[in-house]
Protein backbone atom coordinates (compact mmCIF):
# COMPACT_ATOMS: atom_id res chain seq x y z
CA GLY A 1 -69.43 185.26 -148.40
CA ILE A 2 -69.98 185.50 -144.67
CA VAL A 3 -71.69 188.44 -143.23
CA SER A 4 -70.89 187.96 -139.26
CA LEU A 5 -73.51 189.57 -136.95
CA ALA A 6 -74.29 190.32 -132.77
CA GLU A 7 -77.20 189.51 -131.01
CA ARG A 8 -76.56 192.81 -129.00
CA ALA A 9 -75.44 196.37 -129.18
CA THR A 10 -74.76 196.73 -126.16
CA CYS A 11 -71.83 194.86 -125.21
CA PRO A 12 -68.74 196.94 -124.66
CA LEU A 13 -66.45 194.42 -125.78
CA MET A 14 -68.18 194.52 -128.98
CA TRP A 15 -67.66 198.35 -129.22
CA SER A 16 -64.19 198.25 -128.71
CA HIS A 17 -63.22 195.08 -130.84
CA TYR A 18 -65.21 196.20 -133.85
CA GLY A 19 -66.37 200.01 -133.29
CA ASP A 20 -63.03 201.62 -133.69
CA GLN A 21 -63.60 202.14 -129.55
CA HIS A 22 -66.71 203.97 -129.58
CA ARG A 23 -66.02 206.24 -132.61
CA GLY A 24 -67.83 204.02 -134.88
CA ILE A 25 -71.46 202.94 -135.87
CA CYS A 26 -73.38 199.13 -135.36
CA VAL A 27 -75.97 198.43 -137.99
CA GLY A 28 -79.40 196.93 -136.97
CA TYR A 29 -80.74 194.23 -139.29
CA SER A 30 -83.94 192.27 -139.68
CA ILE A 31 -84.29 189.15 -141.85
CA PRO A 32 -87.38 187.82 -142.87
CA ASP A 33 -88.11 184.33 -141.30
CA ASP A 34 -88.02 182.25 -144.48
CA GLU A 35 -84.89 183.80 -146.09
CA ALA A 36 -83.33 183.41 -142.31
CA GLN A 37 -84.12 179.56 -142.05
CA ASN A 38 -81.53 179.11 -145.12
CA LEU A 39 -79.25 181.74 -144.77
CA LEU A 40 -78.55 182.31 -140.98
CA LEU A 41 -76.05 180.28 -139.12
CA LYS A 42 -75.90 180.32 -134.88
CA VAL A 43 -72.11 180.19 -134.21
CA GLN A 44 -71.25 177.56 -131.70
CA TYR A 45 -68.61 177.93 -128.89
CA GLY A 46 -66.10 175.46 -127.79
CA GLY A 47 -66.27 171.95 -129.16
CA SER A 48 -63.94 170.39 -131.77
CA ARG A 49 -62.04 171.53 -135.14
CA ALA A 50 -62.66 167.77 -136.08
CA VAL A 51 -64.50 167.66 -139.57
CA PRO A 52 -65.33 163.92 -140.22
CA ALA A 53 -64.17 162.34 -143.17
CA SER A 54 -67.50 160.82 -143.78
CA LEU A 55 -68.99 164.24 -144.04
CA LEU A 56 -66.81 164.97 -146.57
CA SER A 57 -67.54 162.06 -148.40
CA ARG A 58 -70.91 162.53 -147.84
CA MET A 59 -70.87 165.98 -149.57
CA LEU A 60 -68.55 164.78 -152.53
CA ARG A 61 -71.47 162.12 -153.18
CA GLY A 62 -73.91 165.07 -153.48
CA ASP A 63 -75.63 165.15 -150.03
CA VAL A 64 -77.32 168.18 -149.97
CA SER A 65 -77.73 167.90 -146.27
CA ALA A 66 -73.86 166.98 -145.83
CA GLU A 67 -73.29 170.32 -147.44
CA ALA A 68 -75.44 172.07 -144.88
CA GLU A 69 -73.80 170.08 -141.89
CA LEU A 70 -69.90 170.99 -143.22
CA ASP A 71 -70.58 174.55 -143.04
CA ALA A 72 -71.74 174.36 -139.84
CA ALA A 73 -68.78 172.41 -138.50
CA VAL A 74 -66.48 174.93 -140.83
CA LEU A 75 -67.74 177.76 -140.55
CA GLY A 76 -70.26 177.56 -137.49
CA VAL A 77 -67.69 177.25 -134.69
CA LYS A 78 -65.07 178.98 -132.46
CA ALA A 79 -63.32 178.55 -129.56
CA ARG A 80 -65.34 179.24 -126.14
CA SER A 81 -63.87 182.62 -125.25
CA TRP A 82 -65.66 184.33 -127.97
CA ALA A 83 -68.82 183.18 -126.70
CA TYR A 84 -69.70 186.96 -125.45
CA GLU A 85 -69.91 188.04 -129.23
CA ARG A 86 -73.51 186.02 -129.93
CA GLU A 87 -72.59 185.62 -133.22
CA TRP A 88 -74.83 184.68 -136.15
CA ARG A 89 -73.08 184.08 -139.46
CA LEU A 90 -75.20 184.63 -142.41
CA ILE A 91 -73.83 182.72 -145.67
CA ASP A 92 -75.06 183.37 -149.02
CA ALA A 93 -73.46 183.78 -152.97
CA ARG A 94 -70.53 186.52 -152.88
CA GLY A 95 -70.84 189.77 -155.39
CA LEU A 96 -73.71 192.20 -156.25
CA GLN A 97 -76.81 190.99 -155.57
CA ASN A 98 -80.37 191.65 -153.68
CA SER A 99 -79.89 191.33 -149.76
CA PRO A 100 -82.19 189.48 -147.79
CA MET A 101 -81.45 192.56 -144.91
CA GLU A 102 -83.48 195.48 -144.26
CA ILE A 103 -81.57 197.89 -142.06
CA GLU A 104 -83.39 198.82 -139.30
CA GLU A 105 -81.40 201.01 -137.03
CA ILE A 106 -78.17 202.72 -137.16
CA ILE A 107 -76.42 202.74 -133.27
CA PHE A 108 -73.54 205.72 -132.67
CA GLY A 109 -70.77 205.19 -130.66
CA MET A 110 -70.07 207.41 -127.87
CA ARG A 111 -67.25 209.11 -129.73
CA CYS A 112 -68.84 208.94 -132.82
CA GLU A 113 -68.45 212.61 -134.29
CA ALA A 114 -71.11 214.48 -134.64
CA ALA A 115 -70.48 215.00 -138.48
CA VAL A 116 -71.16 211.26 -138.96
CA LYS A 117 -73.97 211.25 -136.82
CA PHE A 118 -75.18 213.82 -139.17
CA THR A 119 -74.15 212.88 -142.89
CA VAL A 120 -76.19 209.17 -141.77
CA ALA A 121 -79.23 210.85 -140.79
CA ARG A 122 -79.46 212.66 -143.59
CA ALA A 123 -78.05 210.21 -146.17
CA LEU A 124 -80.88 208.10 -144.64
CA GLU A 125 -84.30 210.32 -143.82
CA LYS A 126 -85.89 210.13 -147.13
CA ARG A 127 -85.96 206.21 -147.51
CA LYS A 128 -89.20 204.37 -147.98
CA ARG A 129 -88.70 202.21 -144.60
CA PRO A 130 -87.56 204.97 -141.72
CA VAL A 131 -84.37 203.93 -139.91
CA LYS A 132 -84.15 204.38 -136.54
CA LEU A 133 -81.12 206.21 -135.30
CA PHE A 134 -79.61 205.72 -131.79
CA GLU A 135 -76.27 206.51 -129.78
CA MET A 136 -74.76 204.74 -126.81
CA SER A 137 -74.61 205.91 -123.43
CA GLU A 138 -72.81 204.95 -120.61
CA LEU A 139 -75.15 203.74 -117.74
CA ALA A 140 -73.69 206.40 -114.45
CA GLY A 141 -71.58 204.36 -112.50
CA THR A 142 -71.64 201.20 -114.21
CA PHE A 143 -69.75 199.59 -117.17
CA ARG A 144 -73.13 198.89 -118.71
CA LEU A 145 -74.22 200.67 -122.06
CA ARG A 146 -77.64 201.79 -123.05
CA LYS A 147 -78.81 202.64 -126.46
CA THR A 148 -80.92 206.17 -126.35
CA GLN A 149 -83.02 207.99 -129.17
CA LEU A 150 -80.98 210.53 -131.23
CA ASP A 151 -82.42 213.39 -131.42
CA THR A 152 -82.21 214.36 -135.10
CA ASP A 153 -84.28 217.67 -134.68
CA GLU A 154 -81.95 219.26 -132.21
CA MET A 155 -78.88 217.73 -134.47
CA PHE A 156 -80.46 218.97 -137.67
CA ALA A 157 -80.90 222.66 -136.14
CA VAL A 158 -77.09 223.37 -135.25
CA LEU A 159 -75.46 221.22 -137.98
CA PRO A 160 -73.69 221.87 -140.44
CA MET A 161 -71.89 224.24 -138.65
CA ARG A 162 -69.75 227.35 -140.57
CA TYR A 163 -66.01 227.58 -138.57
CA ARG A 164 -66.49 231.35 -139.12
CA ASP A 165 -69.94 231.49 -137.04
CA VAL A 166 -67.92 231.44 -133.73
CA LEU A 167 -65.53 233.53 -134.60
CA GLU A 168 -68.23 235.92 -136.13
CA SER A 169 -69.91 235.90 -132.66
CA PHE A 170 -66.87 237.95 -131.02
CA GLU A 171 -65.95 240.21 -133.74
CA ASN A 172 -68.83 243.05 -131.93
CA LEU A 173 -67.51 242.14 -128.41
CA ASP A 174 -64.36 244.77 -128.72
CA LEU A 175 -67.14 247.45 -129.56
CA GLU A 176 -69.74 246.65 -126.54
CA VAL A 177 -66.64 247.16 -124.35
CA ILE A 178 -65.75 250.46 -125.86
CA ARG A 179 -68.91 251.22 -125.53
CA ASN A 180 -69.70 249.95 -121.73
CA PRO A 181 -66.27 250.16 -119.63
CA GLY A 182 -68.16 248.19 -116.71
CA LEU A 183 -68.42 245.37 -118.92
CA ALA A 184 -64.88 244.84 -119.50
CA ARG A 185 -64.23 244.91 -116.12
CA ALA A 186 -66.95 242.56 -115.21
CA LEU A 187 -65.88 239.91 -118.13
CA GLU A 188 -62.28 240.08 -116.28
């Protein structure tokens, strides 16, 4: 199996292509160095798609280094126009197994719904290793993005909201106007 990862979370094109136009989330991982050396492959941009027959022949004869070279030649190359992704690929066996990847942070897109932020924050709040929560924002007057710490204290204070809270806040308004007719003129 292959997991595609990127080096940076502040690329607007990545949010557009893979983050549902900023309605999604970005998960930041760390991988221990001893695991990364065996599993991570940095994608190379440009070059050729051609795979030398001699490389295939070496692999079929059991040459272990040829297998790694073949993986890099086939799975680690993309067209130069994709270079903005700065992609790395984790290549490992598929299926249910322990993962070397540790969740370090969650970054919410600029248009990510409050209910998603709340749900993810609540789901992760009691983990042994804390997960940092951020949200994307736009640097004023530019096309650049910046991640800022999510204020979970404030979020947990106002969410979840009952939709009836808004309706109930207007229930006594008419009574106030009846008791104080000057208030009605002020509201107009």
